[in-house]
Amino acid sequence: MLKIINIIEIIFAVALVISILLQNRGAGLSSTFGSGFEGYHTRRGFEKFLVFSSVFLSVMFVVFAVINLILSNNKLS
């Protein structure tokens, strides 16, 4: 059971990294310091999907990390 949880957690971690890397590069802190101010824009289409998928994947990663922690602590006891 613990091995399956570890594999699922690795899959979520890789998917989270990919979804973060696919996001728009101009949305970082570089625009805060004066380079290329674009103003506020509404996320649409694939960009909106990437944001929601990043949030979902990060929440699922944390949930499976907590489950992994609980199961590994119960196994040691």
PDB file of N, CA and C in Angstrom:
ATOM      1  N   MET A   1       0.822  -1.200   0.000  1.00  0.00           N
ATOM      2  CA  MET A   1       0.000   0.000   0.000  1.00  0.00           C
ATOM      3  C   MET A   1       0.865   1.262   0.000  1.00  0.00           C
ATOM      4  N   LEU A   2       1.896   1.236   0.815  1.00  0.00           N
ATOM      5  CA  LEU A   2       2.773   2.407   0.917  1.00  0.00           C
ATOM      6  C   LEU A   2       3.529   2.647  -0.386  1.00  0.00           C
ATOM      7  N   LYS A   3       3.873   1.555  -1.079  1.00  0.00           N
ATOM      8  CA  LYS A   3       4.576   1.685  -2.346  1.00  0.00           C
ATOM      9  C   LYS A   3       3.679   2.332  -3.408  1.00  0.00           C
ATOM     10  N   ILE A   4       2.402   1.999  -3.398  1.00  0.00           N
ATOM     11  CA  ILE A   4       1.445   2.590  -4.346  1.00  0.00           C
ATOM     12  C   ILE A   4       1.276   4.078  -4.066  1.00  0.00           C
ATOM     13  N   ILE A   5       1.183   4.450  -2.798  1.00  0.00           N
ATOM     14  CA  ILE A   5       1.060   5.857  -2.420  1.00  0.00           C
ATOM     15  C   ILE A   5       2.300   6.632  -2.869  1.00  0.00           C
ATOM     16  N   ASN A   6       3.479   6.037  -2.719  1.00  0.00           N
ATOM     17  CA  ASN A   6       4.710   6.698  -3.155  1.00  0.00           C
ATOM     18  C   ASN A   6       4.723   6.914  -4.664  1.00  0.00           C
ATOM     19  N   ILE A   7       4.286   5.923  -5.426  1.00  0.00           N
ATOM     20  CA  ILE A   7       4.245   6.051  -6.885  1.00  0.00           C
ATOM     21  C   ILE A   7       3.254   7.123  -7.303  1.00  0.00           C
ATOM     22  N   ILE A   8       2.095   7.155  -6.672  1.00  0.00           N
ATOM     23  CA  ILE A   8       1.091   8.181  -6.982  1.00  0.00           C
ATOM     24  C   ILE A   8       1.624   9.571  -6.652  1.00  0.00           C
ATOM     25  N   GLU A   9       2.337   9.685  -5.547  1.00  0.00           N
ATOM     26  CA  GLU A   9       2.910  10.974  -5.147  1.00  0.00           C
ATOM     27  C   GLU A   9       3.970  11.447  -6.143  1.00  0.00           C
ATOM     28  N   ILE A  10       4.767  10.541  -6.656  1.00  0.00           N
ATOM     29  CA  ILE A  10       5.767  10.892  -7.663  1.00  0.00           C
ATOM     30  C   ILE A  10       5.092  11.349  -8.950  1.00  0.00           C
ATOM     31  N   ILE A  11       4.022  10.674  -9.343  1.00  0.00           N
ATOM     32  CA  ILE A  11       3.281  11.068 -10.546  1.00  0.00           C
ATOM     33  C   ILE A  11       2.699  12.465 -10.389  1.00  0.00           C
ATOM     34  N   PHE A  12       2.108  12.756  -9.227  1.00  0.00           N
ATOM     35  CA  PHE A  12       1.575  14.095  -8.977  1.00  0.00           C
ATOM     36  C   PHE A  12       2.692  15.138  -8.976  1.00  0.00           C
ATOM     37  N   ALA A  13       3.850  14.811  -8.436  1.00  0.00           N
ATOM     38  CA  ALA A  13       4.961  15.758  -8.391  1.00  0.00           C
ATOM     39  C   ALA A  13       5.453  16.091  -9.797  1.00  0.00           C
ATOM     40  N   VAL A  14       5.599  15.081 -10.644  1.00  0.00           N
ATOM     41  CA  VAL A  14       6.063  15.321 -12.016  1.00  0.00           C
ATOM     42  C   VAL A  14       5.026  16.125 -12.799  1.00  0.00           C
ATOM     43  N   ALA A  15       3.745  15.775 -12.637  1.00  0.00           N
ATOM     44  CA  ALA A  15       2.685  16.519 -13.333  1.00  0.00           C
ATOM     45  C   ALA A  15       2.620  17.961 -12.853  1.00  0.00           C
ATOM     46  N   LEU A  16       2.847  18.191 -11.563  1.00  0.00           N
ATOM     47  CA  LEU A  16       2.845  19.552 -11.024  1.00  0.00           C
ATOM     48  C   LEU A  16       3.993  20.370 -11.587  1.00  0.00           C
ATOM     49  N   VAL A  17       5.170  19.792 -11.679  1.00  0.00           N
ATOM     50  CA  VAL A  17       6.322  20.498 -12.247  1.00  0.00           C
ATOM     51  C   VAL A  17       6.051  20.856 -13.706  1.00  0.00           C
ATOM     52  N   ILE A  18       5.484  19.919 -14.460  1.00  0.00           N
ATOM     53  CA  ILE A  18       5.189  20.177 -15.869  1.00  0.00           C
ATOM     54  C   ILE A  18       4.148  21.283 -16.010  1.00  0.00           C
ATOM     55  N   SER A  19       3.094  21.245 -15.193  1.00  0.00           N
ATOM     56  CA  SER A  19       2.054  22.277 -15.306  1.00  0.00           C
ATOM     57  C   SER A  19       2.570  23.653 -14.908  1.00  0.00           C
ATOM     58  N   ILE A  20       3.499  23.716 -13.972  1.00  0.00           N
ATOM     59  CA  ILE A  20       4.076  25.005 -13.590  1.00  0.00           C
ATOM     60  C   ILE A  20       5.003  25.529 -14.683  1.00  0.00           C
ATOM     61  N   LEU A  21       5.784  24.641 -15.277  1.00  0.00           N
ATOM     62  CA  LEU A  21       6.705  25.075 -16.323  1.00  0.00           C
ATOM     63  C   LEU A  21       5.988  25.509 -17.600  1.00  0.00           C
ATOM     64  N   LEU A  22       4.795  25.021 -17.835  1.00  0.00           N
ATOM     65  CA  LEU A  22       4.040  25.397 -19.030  1.00  0.00           C
ATOM     66  C   LEU A  22       3.344  26.751 -18.893  1.00  0.00           C
ATOM     67  N   GLN A  23       3.291  27.286 -17.687  1.00  0.00           N
ATOM     68  CA  GLN A  23       2.591  28.548 -17.494  1.00  0.00           C
ATOM     69  C   GLN A  23       3.356  29.705 -18.110  1.00  0.00           C
ATOM     70  N   ASN A  24       2.667  30.817 -18.261  1.00  0.00           N
ATOM     71  CA  ASN A  24       3.217  31.999 -18.909  1.00  0.00           C
ATOM     72  C   ASN A  24       4.449  32.499 -18.171  1.00  0.00           C
ATOM     73  N   ARG A  25       5.519  32.763 -18.900  1.00  0.00           N
ATOM     74  CA  ARG A  25       6.767  33.209 -18.280  1.00  0.00           C
ATOM     75  C   ARG A  25       6.704  34.663 -17.827  1.00  0.00           C
ATOM     76  N   GLY A  26       5.847  35.494 -18.376  1.00  0.00           N
ATOM     77  CA  GLY A  26       5.765  36.902 -18.014  1.00  0.00           C
ATOM     78  C   GLY A  26       4.982  37.168 -16.754  1.00  0.00           C
ATOM     79  N   ALA A  27       4.503  36.144 -16.096  1.00  0.00           N
ATOM     80  CA  ALA A  27       3.676  36.331 -14.910  1.00  0.00           C
ATOM     81  C   ALA A  27       4.498  36.346 -13.623  1.00  0.00           C
ATOM     82  N   GLY A  28       5.814  36.357 -13.714  1.00  0.00           N
ATOM     83  CA  GLY A  28       6.656  36.290 -12.526  1.00  0.00           C
ATOM     84  C   GLY A  28       6.914  37.642 -11.906  1.00  0.00           C
ATOM     85  N   LEU A  29       7.943  37.716 -11.089  1.00  0.00           N
ATOM     86  CA  LEU A  29       8.286  38.949 -10.392  1.00  0.00           C
ATOM     87  C   LEU A  29       9.016  39.946 -11.277  1.00  0.00           C
ATOM     88  N   SER A  30       9.387  39.566 -12.490  1.00  0.00           N
ATOM     89  CA  SER A  30      10.133  40.492 -13.340  1.00  0.00           C
ATOM     90  C   SER A  30       9.305  41.715 -13.711  1.00  0.00           C
ATOM     91  N   SER A  31       7.985  41.533 -13.864  1.00  0.00           N
ATOM     92  CA  SER A  31       7.143  42.687 -14.187  1.00  0.00           C
ATOM     93  C   SER A  31       6.951  43.600 -12.983  1.00  0.00           C
ATOM     94  N   THR A  32       7.187  43.102 -11.792  1.00  0.00           N
ATOM     95  CA  THR A  32       7.059  43.914 -10.590  1.00  0.00           C
ATOM     96  C   THR A  32       8.141  44.979 -10.540  1.00  0.00           C
ATOM     97  N   PHE A  33       9.319  44.674 -11.046  1.00  0.00           N
ATOM     98  CA  PHE A  33      10.441  45.583 -10.965  1.00  0.00           C
ATOM     99  C   PHE A  33      10.593  46.464 -12.200  1.00  0.00           C
ATOM    100  N   GLY A  34       9.546  46.580 -12.992  1.00  0.00           N
ATOM    101  CA  GLY A  34       9.542  47.577 -14.046  1.00  0.00           C
ATOM    102  C   GLY A  34       9.790  47.083 -15.450  1.00  0.00           C
ATOM    103  N   SER A  35      10.037  45.834 -15.655  1.00  0.00           N
ATOM    104  CA  SER A  35      10.306  45.377 -17.018  1.00  0.00           C
ATOM    105  C   SER A  35       9.048  44.772 -17.625  1.00  0.00           C
ATOM    106  N   GLY A  36       8.477  45.443 -18.586  1.00  0.00           N
ATOM    107  CA  GLY A  36       7.356  44.898 -19.341  1.00  0.00           C
ATOM    108  C   GLY A  36       6.039  44.861 -18.592  1.00  0.00           C
ATOM    109  N   PHE A  37       5.607  45.989 -18.091  1.00  0.00           N
ATOM    110  CA  PHE A  37       4.325  46.017 -17.395  1.00  0.00           C
ATOM    111  C   PHE A  37       3.200  45.798 -18.394  1.00  0.00           C
ATOM    112  N   GLU A  38       2.428  44.767 -18.161  1.00  0.00           N
ATOM    113  CA  GLU A  38       1.323  44.442 -19.056  1.00  0.00           C
ATOM    114  C   GLU A  38      -0.031  44.731 -18.432  1.00  0.00           C
ATOM    115  N   GLY A  39      -0.071  45.013 -17.158  1.00  0.00           N
ATOM    116  CA  GLY A  39      -1.333  45.243 -16.485  1.00  0.00           C
ATOM    117  C   GLY A  39      -2.027  43.944 -16.135  1.00  0.00           C
ATOM    118  N   TYR A  40      -3.205  44.066 -15.577  1.00  0.00           N
ATOM    119  CA  TYR A  40      -3.966  42.885 -15.197  1.00  0.00           C
ATOM    120  C   TYR A  40      -4.700  42.332 -16.403  1.00  0.00           C
ATOM    121  N   HIS A  41      -4.677  41.041 -16.572  1.00  0.00           N
ATOM    122  CA  HIS A  41      -5.449  40.418 -17.636  1.00  0.00           C
ATOM    123  C   HIS A  41      -6.138  39.172 -17.093  1.00  0.00           C
ATOM    124  N   THR A  42      -7.269  38.855 -17.657  1.00  0.00           N
ATOM    125  CA  THR A  42      -8.033  37.692 -17.232  1.00  0.00           C
ATOM    126  C   THR A  42      -7.477  36.455 -17.912  1.00  0.00           C
ATOM    127  N   ARG A  43      -7.320  35.410 -17.133  1.00  0.00           N
ATOM    128  CA  ARG A  43      -6.829  34.160 -17.706  1.00  0.00           C
ATOM    129  C   ARG A  43      -7.965  33.494 -18.470  1.00  0.00           C
ATOM    130  N   ARG A  44      -7.653  33.035 -19.670  1.00  0.00           N
ATOM    131  CA  ARG A  44      -8.653  32.379 -20.496  1.00  0.00           C
ATOM    132  C   ARG A  44      -8.058  31.136 -21.122  1.00  0.00           C
ATOM    133  N   GLY A  45      -8.920  30.200 -21.415  1.00  0.00           N
ATOM    134  CA  GLY A  45      -8.534  29.027 -22.173  1.00  0.00           C
ATOM    135  C   GLY A  45      -7.525  28.146 -21.463  1.00  0.00           C
ATOM    136  N   PHE A  46      -6.455  27.831 -22.190  1.00  0.00           N
ATOM    137  CA  PHE A  46      -5.446  26.907 -21.692  1.00  0.00           C
ATOM    138  C   PHE A  46      -4.710  27.466 -20.482  1.00  0.00           C
ATOM    139  N   GLU A  47      -4.524  28.777 -20.413  1.00  0.00           N
ATOM    140  CA  GLU A  47      -3.853  29.387 -19.267  1.00  0.00           C
ATOM    141  C   GLU A  47      -4.682  29.185 -17.992  1.00  0.00           C
ATOM    142  N   LYS A  48      -5.992  29.322 -18.103  1.00  0.00           N
ATOM    143  CA  LYS A  48      -6.880  29.100 -16.968  1.00  0.00           C
ATOM    144  C   LYS A  48      -6.855  27.630 -16.549  1.00  0.00           C
ATOM    145  N   PHE A  49      -6.832  26.729 -17.532  1.00  0.00           N
ATOM    146  CA  PHE A  49      -6.740  25.301 -17.241  1.00  0.00           C
ATOM    147  C   PHE A  49      -5.443  24.978 -16.509  1.00  0.00           C
ATOM    148  N   LEU A  50      -4.330  25.597 -16.923  1.00  0.00           N
ATOM    149  CA  LEU A  50      -3.059  25.340 -16.265  1.00  0.00           C
ATOM    150  C   LEU A  50      -3.043  25.825 -14.822  1.00  0.00           C
ATOM    151  N   VAL A  51      -3.667  26.962 -14.571  1.00  0.00           N
ATOM    152  CA  VAL A  51      -3.727  27.477 -13.200  1.00  0.00           C
ATOM    153  C   VAL A  51      -4.546  26.546 -12.313  1.00  0.00           C
ATOM    154  N   PHE A  52      -5.715  26.145 -12.798  1.00  0.00           N
ATOM    155  CA  PHE A  52      -6.557  25.240 -12.010  1.00  0.00           C
ATOM    156  C   PHE A  52      -5.911  23.866 -11.839  1.00  0.00           C
ATOM    157  N   SER A  53      -5.238  23.393 -12.879  1.00  0.00           N
ATOM    158  CA  SER A  53      -4.582  22.091 -12.750  1.00  0.00           C
ATOM    159  C   SER A  53      -3.402  22.174 -11.783  1.00  0.00           C
ATOM    160  N   SER A  54      -2.695  23.292 -11.759  1.00  0.00           N
ATOM    161  CA  SER A  54      -1.589  23.456 -10.806  1.00  0.00           C
ATOM    162  C   SER A  54      -2.102  23.466  -9.371  1.00  0.00           C
ATOM    163  N   VAL A  55      -3.206  24.150  -9.155  1.00  0.00           N
ATOM    164  CA  VAL A  55      -3.793  24.178  -7.803  1.00  0.00           C
ATOM    165  C   VAL A  55      -4.257  22.785  -7.406  1.00  0.00           C
ATOM    166  N   PHE A  56      -4.957  22.107  -8.308  1.00  0.00           N
ATOM    167  CA  PHE A  56      -5.450  20.757  -8.021  1.00  0.00           C
ATOM    168  C   PHE A  56      -4.294  19.797  -7.747  1.00  0.00           C
ATOM    169  N   LEU A  57      -3.265  19.837  -8.583  1.00  0.00           N
ATOM    170  CA  LEU A  57      -2.138  18.926  -8.410  1.00  0.00           C
ATOM    171  C   LEU A  57      -1.374  19.210  -7.124  1.00  0.00           C
ATOM    172  N   SER A  58      -1.252  20.478  -6.758  1.00  0.00           N
ATOM    173  CA  SER A  58      -0.545  20.795  -5.513  1.00  0.00           C
ATOM    174  C   SER A  58      -1.337  20.338  -4.291  1.00  0.00           C
ATOM    175  N   VAL A  59      -2.656  20.494  -4.331  1.00  0.00           N
ATOM    176  CA  VAL A  59      -3.486  20.023  -3.223  1.00  0.00           C
ATOM    177  C   VAL A  59      -3.414  18.500  -3.124  1.00  0.00           C
ATOM    178  N   MET A  60      -3.496  17.808  -4.253  1.00  0.00           N
ATOM    179  CA  MET A  60      -3.430  16.350  -4.236  1.00  0.00           C
ATOM    180  C   MET A  60      -2.056  15.857  -3.782  1.00  0.00           C
ATOM    181  N   PHE A  61      -1.001  16.573  -4.158  1.00  0.00           N
ATOM    182  CA  PHE A  61       0.340  16.214  -3.702  1.00  0.00           C
ATOM    183  C   PHE A  61       0.444  16.314  -2.186  1.00  0.00           C
ATOM    184  N   VAL A  62      -0.095  17.391  -1.617  1.00  0.00           N
ATOM    185  CA  VAL A  62      -0.043  17.565  -0.161  1.00  0.00           C
ATOM    186  C   VAL A  62      -0.894  16.507   0.532  1.00  0.00           C
ATOM    187  N   VAL A  63      -2.070  16.198  -0.024  1.00  0.00           N
ATOM    188  CA  VAL A  63      -2.937  15.170   0.567  1.00  0.00           C
ATOM    189  C   VAL A  63      -2.224  13.819   0.588  1.00  0.00           C
ATOM    190  N   PHE A  64      -1.610  13.444  -0.535  1.00  0.00           N
ATOM    191  CA  PHE A  64      -0.916  12.162  -0.571  1.00  0.00           C
ATOM    192  C   PHE A  64       0.345  12.170   0.281  1.00  0.00           C
ATOM    193  N   ALA A  65       0.979  13.309   0.457  1.00  0.00           N
ATOM    194  CA  ALA A  65       2.138  13.394   1.347  1.00  0.00           C
ATOM    195  C   ALA A  65       1.715  13.174   2.802  1.00  0.00           C
ATOM    196  N   VAL A  66       0.570  13.728   3.181  1.00  0.00           N
ATOM    197  CA  VAL A  66       0.067  13.528   4.543  1.00  0.00           C
ATOM    198  C   VAL A  66      -0.345  12.069   4.742  1.00  0.00           C
ATOM    199  N   ILE A  67      -1.014  11.489   3.741  1.00  0.00           N
ATOM    200  CA  ILE A  67      -1.381  10.070   3.825  1.00  0.00           C
ATOM    201  C   ILE A  67      -0.127   9.208   3.947  1.00  0.00           C
ATOM    202  N   ASN A  68       0.887   9.527   3.164  1.00  0.00           N
ATOM    203  CA  ASN A  68       2.155   8.801   3.232  1.00  0.00           C
ATOM    204  C   ASN A  68       2.778   8.915   4.619  1.00  0.00           C
ATOM    205  N   LEU A  69       2.741  10.107   5.198  1.00  0.00           N
ATOM    206  CA  LEU A  69       3.291  10.326   6.530  1.00  0.00           C
ATOM    207  C   LEU A  69       2.536   9.512   7.580  1.00  0.00           C
ATOM    208  N   ILE A  70       1.211   9.523   7.490  1.00  0.00           N
ATOM    209  CA  ILE A  70       0.398   8.778   8.464  1.00  0.00           C
ATOM    210  C   ILE A  70       0.644   7.284   8.342  1.00  0.00           C
ATOM    211  N   LEU A  71       0.669   6.767   7.106  1.00  0.00           N
ATOM    212  CA  LEU A  71       0.884   5.342   6.923  1.00  0.00           C
ATOM    213  C   LEU A  71       2.282   4.904   7.332  1.00  0.00           C
ATOM    214  N   SER A  72       3.275   5.735   7.079  1.00  0.00           N
ATOM    215  CA  SER A  72       4.640   5.364   7.467  1.00  0.00           C
ATOM    216  C   SER A  72       4.816   5.426   8.988  1.00  0.00           C
ATOM    217  N   ASN A  73       4.136   6.342   9.664  1.00  0.00           N
ATOM    218  CA  ASN A  73       4.200   6.400  11.121  1.00  0.00           C
ATOM    219  C   ASN A  73       3.483   5.215  11.755  1.00  0.00           C
ATOM    220  N   ASN A  74       2.377   4.790  11.152  1.00  0.00           N
ATOM    221  CA  ASN A  74       1.671   3.623  11.676  1.00  0.00           C
ATOM    222  C   ASN A  74       2.466   2.352  11.452  1.00  0.00           C
ATOM    223  N   LYS A  75       3.228   2.293  10.376  1.00  0.00           N
ATOM    224  CA  LYS A  75       4.028   1.120  10.082  1.00  0.00           C
ATOM    225  C   LYS A  75       5.186   0.995  11.073  1.00  0.00           C
ATOM    226  N   LEU A  76       5.733   2.139  11.516  1.00  0.00           N
ATOM    227  CA  LEU A  76       6.853   2.110  12.472  1.00  0.00           C
ATOM    228  C   LEU A  76       6.413   1.732  13.869  1.00  0.00           C
ATOM    229  N   SER A  77       5.172   2.032  14.220  1.00  0.00           N
ATOM    230  CA  SER A  77       4.690   1.762  15.580  1.00  0.00           C
ATOM    231  C   SER A  77       4.439   0.297  15.825  1.00  0.00           C
TER     232      SER A  77
END
